[in-house]
Amino acid sequence: MTPIQSVLPSITPVLPEIVLSVGALLLVLWGAWRGERSAESTNLGALGLLIFTFFLVVSQTGTVTTLNGAFIADPFARVMKALILIGSSATILLSRDYFQRERIDRFEYPILIVLCTIGMMVMASANDLISLYLGLELQSLAAYVIAAFHRDDVKSTEAGLKYFVLGALSSGMLLYGASLVYGFTGTVSFPGIVTALGDGGPASFGLVLGIVFVAAGVAFKLAAVPFHMWTPDVYEGSPTPVTAFFASAPKMAAMAMTVRVFIGAFPDVTAVWQQIIVFVSIASMALGSFAAIGQRNLKRLMAYSSIGNVGYALIGLAAGSEEGIRGVVIYMVIYLAMTLGAFAVLLSLRRKDKMFETIDDLSGLSRTHPWLAFSLAAMMFSLAGIPPLAGFFAKFYVFAAAIKADLVALAVIGVVTSVVGAFYYLRLVKVMYFDEPQAAYERIPPGSAIVLAASSVVVVLFFLIPAPLVAAAGSAAKSLF
């Protein structure tokens, strides 16, 4: 080993994050030099940067740790990073037309998406509590800004402020929990924590308290009950493409972080955190199903839908097994496709200068634009878990893992809440196909058309060729055990 190699860690595993960081700095310089005229080129540059990084991520192989063990590149991290980059790229495609129409098209927006993506990728590869927190804060700080990006809109400003205040509270809880874990194990490294807890004895009260606070911090980022209170207001107040972003890419990162913490650091005290995850899962599924029934605003409806879907994904984590984590990965892939497809339709629905905001605005959509109605109906049927659409298989894998882990009651509750949730998903289909149509609206933007087409292929045709996704998810889960 040369002296340089002994001092400098291998940068190959961190290369995607470095590429995004350097690219973001170059885009900032370009935007500062060109001013507002650079909005179009900055969007294209950010999109190209994200796509290039995606291919960089999927080209990596093996399991490598670097930065003194703080950063790990393994199959699980690669799958979740790929989903994060897909979500971020789709957001930029969905945003362009909306931001031009609202006259808030500024070059800073795609750069903030890129910075947010860097933080999310670090969260997926974090191998100790400090790198986890650094990634979390980088993602959060950029997210607070884009939530309030529409500066002239009171709701958008309010959304950013609420997100910031509650996000600061959750960060404090996570840090306090991390300090307790460090105090009772003597290390912040996930492998070090596993070694410290490897004696097989009962966990101390202080460690249990630390795990509880860490769970509270990650539950906020997941928008899981009881730390969901910010979600409906932030989703409603943020610009619609930003809402689509919050419902997609950050959910992938938060779930990756949650799995990494509990499976990577605390596999020997599963009995401690499994109870927390089971409670959070049941509460999220119940609230996501029942609270959404009375919603008329489409973005608030999608907020409660995302809370419920997080609950279903957590069933796989609660199983604490390789099959469970495989189910989580499959669920998140399909959830990403369903959510992006639904928002692609919502961003296409505009009457004159007004976006569609309520369920009633969808009246008779099947007669004014049958293909959009069909696509949105497919997304709603899939979210409801109706076969043979992809959403059915997403739930099937996590329920099967729960049953195999003797969590039969949890799986039964999941099925029951799915039936309740189907009511508000199918209500949208009823409004589109059986209510009287309103005035027509404009054509679908090109960016939304691309995202919708890709999402529809995944949701509708998944059952024909599920093997590649199941194999990738299986490989990702295996790397954690």
Protein backbone atom coordinates (compact mmCIF):
# COMPACT_ATOMS: atom_id res chain seq x y z
CA MET A 1 0.00 0.00 0.00
CA THR A 2 1.45 3.39 -1.00
CA PRO A 3 1.55 6.30 1.51
CA ILE A 4 -1.18 8.09 -0.45
CA GLN A 5 -3.42 5.00 -0.36
CA SER A 6 -2.92 4.67 3.37
CA VAL A 7 -3.97 8.28 3.98
CA LEU A 8 -6.73 8.69 1.41
CA PRO A 9 -9.65 6.24 1.53
CA SER A 10 -10.84 4.60 -1.65
CA ILE A 11 -13.16 7.04 -3.38
CA THR A 12 -14.66 4.49 -5.80
CA PRO A 13 -17.65 3.58 -3.55
CA VAL A 14 -18.35 7.30 -2.99
CA LEU A 15 -17.91 8.25 -6.65
CA PRO A 16 -21.65 8.75 -7.40
CA GLU A 17 -21.96 11.20 -4.48
CA ILE A 18 -18.78 13.02 -5.52
CA VAL A 19 -20.02 13.34 -9.11
CA LEU A 20 -23.33 14.80 -7.92
CA SER A 21 -21.57 17.19 -5.53
CA VAL A 22 -19.16 18.52 -8.17
CA GLY A 23 -22.00 18.74 -10.69
CA ALA A 24 -24.17 20.71 -8.24
CA LEU A 25 -21.34 23.20 -7.64
CA LEU A 26 -20.84 23.66 -11.38
CA LEU A 27 -24.58 24.22 -11.85
CA VAL A 28 -24.53 26.85 -9.09
CA LEU A 29 -21.70 28.70 -10.87
CA TRP A 30 -23.52 28.43 -14.21
CA GLY A 31 -26.76 29.72 -12.69
CA ALA A 32 -25.01 32.61 -10.93
CA TRP A 33 -23.28 33.61 -14.17
CA ARG A 34 -26.30 33.33 -16.46
CA GLY A 35 -28.95 34.44 -13.97
CA GLU A 36 -32.62 33.66 -14.61
CA ARG A 37 -31.84 32.86 -18.26
CA SER A 38 -30.15 29.66 -17.07
CA ALA A 39 -33.34 27.98 -15.77
CA GLU A 40 -33.83 25.80 -18.86
CA SER A 41 -30.20 24.73 -19.15
CA THR A 42 -29.88 24.12 -15.40
CA ASN A 43 -32.88 21.79 -15.50
CA LEU A 44 -31.37 19.85 -18.40
CA GLY A 45 -27.97 19.78 -16.69
CA ALA A 46 -29.42 18.50 -13.40
CA LEU A 47 -31.45 15.84 -15.23
CA GLY A 48 -28.42 14.68 -17.20
CA LEU A 49 -26.34 14.61 -14.01
CA LEU A 50 -28.91 12.43 -12.22
CA ILE A 51 -29.21 10.02 -15.17
CA PHE A 52 -25.41 9.71 -15.46
CA THR A 53 -25.16 9.03 -11.72
CA PHE A 54 -27.87 6.37 -12.01
CA PHE A 55 -25.77 4.40 -14.51
CA LEU A 56 -22.71 4.96 -12.32
CA VAL A 57 -24.56 3.43 -9.34
CA VAL A 58 -25.90 0.38 -11.17
CA SER A 59 -22.47 -0.33 -12.65
CA GLN A 60 -20.92 -0.86 -9.21
CA THR A 61 -20.55 -4.37 -7.82
CA GLY A 62 -19.74 -6.13 -4.56
CA THR A 63 -19.78 -4.83 -1.00
CA VAL A 64 -17.19 -2.21 -0.05
CA THR A 65 -16.79 0.01 3.01
CA THR A 66 -14.75 3.21 3.02
CA LEU A 67 -14.22 6.46 4.96
CA ASN A 68 -13.09 4.51 8.00
CA GLY A 69 -16.13 2.26 7.85
CA ALA A 70 -18.65 5.14 7.85
CA PHE A 71 -19.85 4.50 4.29
CA ILE A 72 -20.89 1.20 2.72
CA ALA A 73 -21.68 0.39 -0.91
CA ASP A 74 -23.57 -2.91 -1.10
CA PRO A 75 -26.44 -4.31 -3.23
CA PHE A 76 -29.07 -2.90 -0.83
CA ALA A 77 -27.60 0.61 -1.05
CA ARG A 78 -27.37 0.38 -4.85
CA VAL A 79 -31.01 -0.63 -5.29
CA MET A 80 -32.26 2.13 -2.98
CA LYS A 81 -29.97 4.73 -4.59
CA ALA A 82 -31.27 3.75 -8.02
CA LEU A 83 -34.83 4.32 -6.80
CA ILE A 84 -33.85 7.67 -5.26
CA LEU A 85 -32.26 8.82 -8.53
CA ILE A 86 -35.31 7.69 -10.53
CA GLY A 87 -37.60 9.63 -8.18
CA SER A 88 -35.46 12.78 -8.40
CA SER A 89 -35.16 12.59 -12.20
CA ALA A 90 -38.93 12.10 -12.55
CA THR A 91 -39.51 15.13 -10.31
CA ILE A 92 -37.47 17.38 -12.60
CA LEU A 93 -39.42 16.07 -15.61
CA LEU A 94 -42.73 16.73 -13.84
CA SER A 95 -41.72 20.20 -12.62
CA ARG A 96 -40.78 22.05 -15.79
CA ASP A 97 -44.21 22.87 -17.21
CA TYR A 98 -45.73 23.62 -13.79
CA PHE A 99 -43.00 26.06 -12.77
CA GLN A 100 -43.17 27.91 -16.09
CA ARG A 101 -46.93 28.33 -15.80
CA GLU A 102 -46.70 29.51 -12.18
CA ARG A 103 -43.86 31.93 -13.13
CA ILE A 104 -41.52 30.55 -10.45
CA ASP A 105 -39.08 28.92 -12.87
CA ARG A 106 -35.70 29.60 -11.21
CA PHE A 107 -32.37 27.88 -11.67
CA GLU A 108 -32.02 27.12 -7.95
CA TYR A 109 -34.78 24.50 -7.94
CA PRO A 110 -33.06 21.64 -9.84
CA ILE A 111 -29.85 22.32 -7.90
CA LEU A 112 -31.75 21.91 -4.63
CA ILE A 113 -33.16 18.60 -5.93
CA VAL A 114 -29.60 17.44 -6.67
CA LEU A 115 -28.37 18.47 -3.21
CA CYS A 116 -31.34 16.70 -1.64
CA THR A 117 -30.45 13.61 -3.68
CA ILE A 118 -26.86 13.61 -2.40
CA GLY A 119 -28.15 13.59 1.19
CA MET A 120 -30.58 10.77 0.42
CA MET A 121 -27.84 8.66 -1.18
CA VAL A 122 -25.63 9.13 1.89
CA MET A 123 -28.56 7.99 4.05
CA ALA A 124 -28.83 4.78 2.01
CA SER A 125 -25.10 4.02 2.41
CA ALA A 126 -24.59 5.20 6.00
CA ASN A 127 -22.75 2.67 8.13
CA ASP A 128 -22.60 4.67 11.34
CA LEU A 129 -24.82 7.12 13.21
CA ILE A 130 -22.80 10.22 12.28
CA SER A 131 -22.83 9.65 8.51
CA LEU A 132 -26.53 8.81 8.81
CA TYR A 133 -27.20 12.16 10.48
CA LEU A 134 -25.10 14.11 7.98
CA GLY A 135 -27.03 12.62 5.06
CA LEU A 136 -30.34 13.22 6.80
CA GLU A 137 -29.61 16.90 7.45
CA LEU A 138 -28.33 17.56 3.92
CA GLN A 139 -31.53 16.08 2.54
CA SER A 140 -33.74 17.91 5.03
CA LEU A 141 -32.24 21.40 4.62
CA ALA A 142 -32.77 21.32 0.85
CA ALA A 143 -36.29 19.89 1.34
CA TYR A 144 -37.31 22.75 3.66
CA VAL A 145 -36.38 25.26 0.96
CA ILE A 146 -38.19 23.59 -1.93
CA ALA A 147 -41.34 23.18 0.20
CA ALA A 148 -41.47 26.99 0.46
CA PHE A 149 -40.23 27.59 -3.11
CA HIS A 150 -43.39 29.41 -4.19
CA ARG A 151 -42.50 32.51 -2.15
CA ASP A 152 -45.62 34.49 -3.12
CA ASP A 153 -47.97 31.72 -1.99
CA VAL A 154 -48.93 31.79 1.69
CA LYS A 155 -49.65 28.05 1.78
CA SER A 156 -46.22 27.21 0.36
CA THR A 157 -44.44 29.44 2.89
CA GLU A 158 -46.48 27.90 5.69
CA ALA A 159 -45.62 24.40 4.46
CA GLY A 160 -41.90 25.17 4.49
CA LEU A 161 -42.09 26.65 8.00
CA LYS A 162 -44.05 23.72 9.42
CA TYR A 163 -41.69 21.24 7.83
CA PHE A 164 -38.67 23.10 9.21
CA VAL A 165 -39.93 23.41 12.80
CA LEU A 166 -41.10 19.80 13.09
CA GLY A 167 -38.04 18.55 11.21
CA ALA A 168 -35.75 20.29 13.70
CA LEU A 169 -37.64 18.58 16.54
CA SER A 170 -37.23 15.15 14.91
CA SER A 171 -33.52 15.76 14.31
CA GLY A 172 -33.09 16.56 17.99
CA MET A 173 -34.84 13.33 18.98
CA LEU A 174 -32.69 11.31 16.59
CA LEU A 175 -29.49 12.90 17.92
CA TYR A 176 -30.51 12.29 21.52
CA GLY A 177 -31.24 8.65 20.73
CA ALA A 178 -27.90 8.33 18.91
CA SER A 179 -26.06 9.80 21.91
CA LEU A 180 -27.73 7.27 24.23
CA VAL A 181 -26.81 4.39 21.89
CA TYR A 182 -23.21 5.66 21.80
CA GLY A 183 -23.13 6.05 25.57
CA PHE A 184 -24.26 2.47 26.23
CA THR A 185 -22.30 0.74 23.45
CA GLY A 186 -19.18 2.91 23.21
CA THR A 187 -19.34 3.25 19.41
CA VAL A 188 -21.36 4.90 16.64
CA SER A 189 -20.42 2.32 13.99
CA PHE A 190 -23.17 -0.14 13.08
CA PRO A 191 -20.81 -3.17 13.05
CA GLY A 192 -19.34 -1.90 16.34
CA ILE A 193 -22.80 -1.70 17.89
CA VAL A 194 -23.51 -5.27 16.75
CA THR A 195 -20.25 -6.41 18.40
CA ALA A 196 -21.05 -4.53 21.62
CA LEU A 197 -24.48 -6.16 21.82
CA GLY A 198 -23.24 -9.60 20.78
CA ASP A 199 -23.01 -11.03 24.30
CA GLY A 200 -26.63 -12.16 24.06
CA GLY A 201 -27.65 -10.53 27.34
CA PRO A 202 -30.76 -8.37 27.80
CA ALA A 203 -30.53 -4.80 26.50
CA SER A 204 -30.06 -2.13 29.17
CA PHE A 205 -32.81 0.41 29.84
CA GLY A 206 -30.64 3.24 28.49
CA LEU A 207 -30.05 1.43 25.21
CA VAL A 208 -33.76 0.67 24.84
CA LEU A 209 -34.50 4.37 25.43
CA GLY A 210 -31.92 5.28 22.78
CA ILE A 211 -33.53 2.90 20.27
CA VAL A 212 -36.94 4.45 21.01
CA PHE A 213 -35.66 7.98 20.29
CA VAL A 214 -33.85 6.84 17.13
CA ALA A 215 -37.09 5.16 16.01
CA ALA A 216 -38.98 8.41 16.64
CA GLY A 217 -36.51 10.34 14.47
CA VAL A 218 -36.71 7.94 11.54
CA ALA A 219 -40.51 7.66 11.88
CA PHE A 220 -40.77 11.42 11.27
CA LYS A 221 -38.81 11.13 8.03
CA LEU A 222 -41.03 8.22 6.99
CA ALA A 223 -44.16 10.26 7.88
CA ALA A 224 -45.28 7.30 9.99
CA VAL A 225 -47.79 7.59 12.83
CA PRO A 226 -47.49 9.16 15.43
CA PHE A 227 -45.02 11.53 13.71
CA HIS A 228 -47.14 12.12 10.62
CA MET A 229 -48.73 15.42 11.63
CA TRP A 230 -46.71 17.53 9.18
CA THR A 231 -47.54 15.46 6.12
CA PRO A 232 -51.05 16.58 4.99
CA ASP A 233 -50.31 20.30 5.46
CA VAL A 234 -46.88 20.17 3.80
CA TYR A 235 -48.20 18.08 0.89
CA GLU A 236 -51.13 20.47 0.35
CA GLY A 237 -49.11 23.68 0.67
CA SER A 238 -46.04 22.77 -1.37
CA PRO A 239 -46.02 23.22 -5.17
CA THR A 240 -47.47 20.05 -6.69
CA PRO A 241 -44.19 18.80 -8.26
CA VAL A 242 -42.53 19.23 -4.84
CA THR A 243 -45.35 17.19 -3.28
CA ALA A 244 -44.66 14.48 -5.87
CA PHE A 245 -40.99 14.60 -4.86
CA PHE A 246 -41.76 14.32 -1.12
CA ALA A 247 -44.03 11.34 -1.79
CA SER A 248 -41.38 9.49 -3.83
CA ALA A 249 -37.59 9.87 -3.52
CA PRO A 250 -37.33 10.90 0.19
CA LYS A 251 -39.59 7.96 1.08
CA MET A 252 -37.04 5.63 -0.56
CA ALA A 253 -34.21 7.21 1.43
CA ALA A 254 -36.13 7.17 4.71
CA MET A 255 -37.03 3.51 4.30
CA ALA A 256 -33.42 2.66 3.38
CA MET A 257 -32.23 4.51 6.49
CA THR A 258 -34.77 2.73 8.70
CA VAL A 259 -33.81 -0.73 7.41
CA ARG A 260 -30.11 0.10 7.65
CA VAL A 261 -30.41 1.23 11.29
CA PHE A 262 -32.51 -1.63 12.66
CA ILE A 263 -31.16 -4.53 10.60
CA GLY A 264 -27.59 -3.21 10.41
CA ALA A 265 -27.07 -2.01 13.99
CA PHE A 266 -29.60 -3.84 16.18
CA PRO A 267 -30.09 -7.39 14.80
CA ASP A 268 -29.40 -8.91 18.24
CA VAL A 269 -32.14 -6.92 20.00
CA THR A 270 -34.90 -7.50 17.44
CA ALA A 271 -37.42 -8.15 20.22
CA VAL A 272 -36.92 -4.55 21.44
CA TRP A 273 -37.46 -2.67 18.19
CA GLN A 274 -39.90 -5.14 16.61
CA GLN A 275 -42.61 -4.03 19.05
CA ILE A 276 -42.05 -0.39 18.03
CA ILE A 277 -42.19 -1.19 14.32
CA VAL A 278 -45.35 -3.30 14.71
CA PHE A 279 -47.11 -0.47 16.58
CA VAL A 280 -46.02 2.17 14.06
CA SER A 281 -47.06 -0.08 11.16
CA ILE A 282 -50.55 -0.77 12.55
CA ALA A 283 -51.12 2.89 13.49
CA SER A 284 -49.96 4.12 10.06
CA MET A 285 -52.13 1.64 8.15
CA ALA A 286 -55.19 2.48 10.26
CA LEU A 287 -54.79 6.25 10.06
CA GLY A 288 -53.91 6.17 6.36
CA SER A 289 -57.08 4.17 5.65
CA PHE A 290 -59.64 5.86 7.90
CA ALA A 291 -58.48 9.50 7.89
CA ALA A 292 -58.38 9.64 4.08
CA ILE A 293 -62.08 8.76 3.74
CA GLY A 294 -63.24 12.30 4.51
CA GLN A 295 -60.64 14.09 2.35
CA ARG A 296 -61.73 16.02 -0.72
CA ASN A 297 -58.38 17.66 -1.58
CA LEU A 298 -56.34 15.44 -3.92
CA LYS A 299 -52.93 16.28 -2.42
CA ARG A 300 -54.12 15.68 1.14
CA LEU A 301 -55.59 12.38 -0.05
CA MET A 302 -52.20 11.38 -1.45
CA ALA A 303 -50.59 12.42 1.85
CA TYR A 304 -52.76 10.00 3.83
CA SER A 305 -52.18 7.38 1.13
CA SER A 306 -48.41 7.71 1.61
CA ILE A 307 -48.81 7.33 5.40
CA GLY A 308 -50.78 4.12 4.88
CA ASN A 309 -48.27 2.77 2.36
CA VAL A 310 -45.39 3.34 4.77
CA GLY A 311 -47.33 1.21 7.27
CA TYR A 312 -47.60 -1.64 4.77
CA ALA A 313 -43.88 -1.47 3.91
CA LEU A 314 -42.98 -1.57 7.61
CA ILE A 315 -44.70 -4.96 7.90
CA GLY A 316 -41.72 -6.40 6.02
CA LEU A 317 -39.26 -4.72 8.40
CA ALA A 318 -41.22 -5.96 11.42
CA ALA A 319 -40.68 -9.52 10.17
CA GLY A 320 -36.96 -8.91 10.67
CA SER A 321 -36.06 -11.57 8.10
CA GLU A 322 -34.42 -11.71 4.68
CA GLU A 323 -37.86 -12.37 3.11
CA GLY A 324 -39.23 -9.35 4.95
CA ILE A 325 -36.55 -6.97 3.65
CA ARG A 326 -37.02 -8.38 0.15
CA GLY A 327 -40.71 -7.54 0.51
CA VAL A 328 -39.84 -4.00 1.66
CA VAL A 329 -37.64 -3.39 -1.41
CA ILE A 330 -40.27 -4.76 -3.82
CA TYR A 331 -42.94 -2.66 -2.09
CA MET A 332 -40.90 0.54 -2.39
CA VAL A 333 -40.18 -0.02 -6.09
CA ILE A 334 -43.86 -0.50 -6.88
CA TYR A 335 -44.93 2.33 -4.55
CA LEU A 336 -42.53 4.66 -6.41
CA ALA A 337 -44.11 3.76 -9.75
CA MET A 338 -47.68 4.13 -8.46
CA THR A 339 -47.03 7.48 -6.78
CA LEU A 340 -45.15 9.05 -9.69
CA GLY A 341 -47.86 7.84 -12.09
CA ALA A 342 -50.64 9.34 -9.97
CA PHE A 343 -48.88 12.71 -9.68
CA ALA A 344 -48.08 12.73 -13.40
CA VAL A 345 -51.83 12.61 -14.04
CA LEU A 346 -52.63 15.25 -11.39
CA LEU A 347 -50.02 17.62 -12.87
CA SER A 348 -51.65 17.21 -16.30
CA LEU A 349 -55.07 18.30 -15.09
CA ARG A 350 -55.42 22.06 -15.47
CA ARG A 351 -58.43 24.09 -16.48
CA LYS A 352 -57.29 27.46 -17.85
CA ASP A 353 -54.90 28.73 -15.13
CA LYS A 354 -56.21 26.55 -12.33
CA MET A 355 -54.83 23.16 -11.29
CA PHE A 356 -57.28 20.42 -10.33
CA GLU A 357 -57.34 20.36 -6.53
CA THR A 358 -60.38 18.38 -5.40
CA ILE A 359 -61.89 15.00 -6.17
CA ASP A 360 -64.92 16.69 -7.76
CA ASP A 361 -62.64 18.28 -10.37
CA LEU A 362 -62.12 14.80 -11.81
CA SER A 363 -65.81 14.44 -12.71
CA GLY A 364 -66.31 12.71 -16.05
CA LEU A 365 -62.59 12.57 -16.84
CA SER A 366 -63.10 9.34 -18.79
CA ARG A 367 -65.14 11.20 -21.40
CA THR A 368 -62.89 14.26 -21.77
CA HIS A 369 -59.56 12.41 -21.70
CA PRO A 370 -60.02 8.62 -21.60
CA TRP A 371 -56.32 7.67 -21.54
CA LEU A 372 -55.56 9.87 -18.54
CA ALA A 373 -58.60 8.47 -16.75
CA PHE A 374 -57.51 4.92 -17.53
CA SER A 375 -53.97 5.59 -16.26
CA LEU A 376 -55.17 7.19 -13.02
CA ALA A 377 -57.68 4.36 -12.52
CA ALA A 378 -54.86 1.82 -12.94
CA MET A 379 -52.81 3.65 -10.29
CA MET A 380 -55.78 3.75 -7.89
CA PHE A 381 -56.61 0.05 -8.40
CA SER A 382 -52.96 -0.79 -7.84
CA LEU A 383 -52.76 1.33 -4.66
CA ALA A 384 -55.86 -0.49 -3.46
CA GLY A 385 -54.04 -3.80 -4.00
CA ILE A 386 -56.33 -5.26 -6.67
CA PRO A 387 -54.80 -8.05 -8.83
CA PRO A 388 -53.22 -8.45 -11.31
CA LEU A 389 -51.76 -4.95 -10.91
CA ALA A 390 -48.38 -4.44 -9.25
CA GLY A 391 -49.80 -3.10 -5.98
CA PHE A 392 -51.30 -6.51 -5.21
CA PHE A 393 -47.89 -8.21 -5.44
CA ALA A 394 -46.28 -5.48 -3.31
CA LYS A 395 -48.65 -6.26 -0.45
CA PHE A 396 -48.49 -10.00 -1.08
CA TYR A 397 -44.72 -10.13 -0.47
CA VAL A 398 -44.80 -8.20 2.81
CA PHE A 399 -47.86 -10.08 4.11
CA ALA A 400 -46.24 -13.43 3.23
CA ALA A 401 -43.05 -12.44 5.08
CA ALA A 402 -45.08 -11.42 8.15
CA ILE A 403 -46.96 -14.73 8.20
CA LYS A 404 -43.69 -16.66 7.88
CA ALA A 405 -42.35 -14.69 10.89
CA ASP A 406 -45.45 -15.61 12.96
CA LEU A 407 -46.87 -12.08 12.73
CA VAL A 408 -50.22 -13.36 11.47
CA ALA A 409 -52.25 -10.74 13.35
CA LEU A 410 -50.21 -7.95 11.74
CA ALA A 411 -50.84 -9.39 8.27
CA VAL A 412 -54.58 -9.71 8.98
CA ILE A 413 -54.75 -6.08 10.13
CA GLY A 414 -52.95 -5.12 6.91
CA VAL A 415 -55.55 -6.92 4.80
CA VAL A 416 -58.44 -5.31 6.70
CA THR A 417 -57.02 -1.77 6.37
CA SER A 418 -56.40 -2.47 2.66
CA VAL A 419 -60.12 -3.15 2.24
CA VAL A 420 -60.99 0.11 4.03
CA GLY A 421 -58.44 2.06 1.99
CA ALA A 422 -59.86 0.66 -1.24
CA PHE A 423 -62.97 2.81 -0.61
CA TYR A 424 -61.29 6.16 -1.19
CA TYR A 425 -59.15 4.91 -4.07
CA LEU A 426 -62.17 3.50 -5.89
CA ARG A 427 -64.15 6.66 -5.18
CA LEU A 428 -61.83 8.50 -7.57
CA VAL A 429 -62.53 5.88 -10.24
CA LYS A 430 -66.28 6.27 -9.67
CA VAL A 431 -66.06 10.07 -10.05
CA MET A 432 -64.03 9.78 -13.27
CA TYR A 433 -66.25 7.20 -14.95
CA PHE A 434 -69.78 7.82 -13.66
CA ASP A 435 -70.10 11.55 -12.86
CA GLU A 436 -71.01 14.22 -15.39
CA PRO A 437 -67.98 15.75 -17.15
CA GLN A 438 -66.88 19.34 -16.68
CA ALA A 439 -65.14 21.60 -19.19
CA ALA A 440 -62.17 20.17 -21.07
CA TYR A 441 -58.59 21.04 -20.18
CA GLU A 442 -55.25 21.35 -21.90
CA ARG A 443 -52.96 18.60 -23.19
CA ILE A 444 -50.57 16.60 -21.04
CA PRO A 445 -47.04 18.13 -20.77
CA PRO A 446 -44.20 16.08 -22.33
CA GLY A 447 -42.43 15.48 -19.01
CA SER A 448 -45.59 14.17 -17.38
CA ALA A 449 -46.28 11.96 -20.40
CA ILE A 450 -42.84 10.29 -20.09
CA VAL A 451 -43.22 9.65 -16.35
CA LEU A 452 -46.80 8.42 -16.75
CA ALA A 453 -45.90 6.02 -19.56
CA ALA A 454 -43.02 4.48 -17.59
CA SER A 455 -45.10 4.19 -14.41
CA SER A 456 -48.02 2.62 -16.26
CA VAL A 457 -45.78 -0.05 -17.79
CA VAL A 458 -44.46 -1.04 -14.35
CA VAL A 459 -47.88 -1.04 -12.67
CA VAL A 460 -49.89 -2.77 -15.38
CA LEU A 461 -47.32 -5.24 -16.77
CA PHE A 462 -45.35 -6.16 -13.64
CA PHE A 463 -47.10 -9.53 -13.30
CA LEU A 464 -45.76 -10.64 -16.71
CA ILE A 465 -42.05 -10.32 -15.82
CA PRO A 466 -41.63 -10.01 -12.03
CA ALA A 467 -38.41 -12.08 -11.89
CA PRO A 468 -35.80 -9.30 -12.44
CA LEU A 469 -37.22 -7.10 -9.67
CA VAL A 470 -37.68 -10.01 -7.26
CA ALA A 471 -34.10 -11.17 -7.92
CA ALA A 472 -32.68 -7.67 -7.39
CA ALA A 473 -34.69 -7.24 -4.18
CA GLY A 474 -33.55 -10.68 -2.97
CA SER A 475 -29.90 -9.77 -3.61
CA ALA A 476 -30.34 -6.46 -1.78
CA ALA A 477 -31.91 -8.16 1.23
CA LYS A 478 -29.27 -10.90 1.33
CA SER A 479 -26.46 -8.34 1.58
CA LEU A 480 -27.84 -7.15 4.95
CA PHE A 481 -27.77 -10.59 6.62
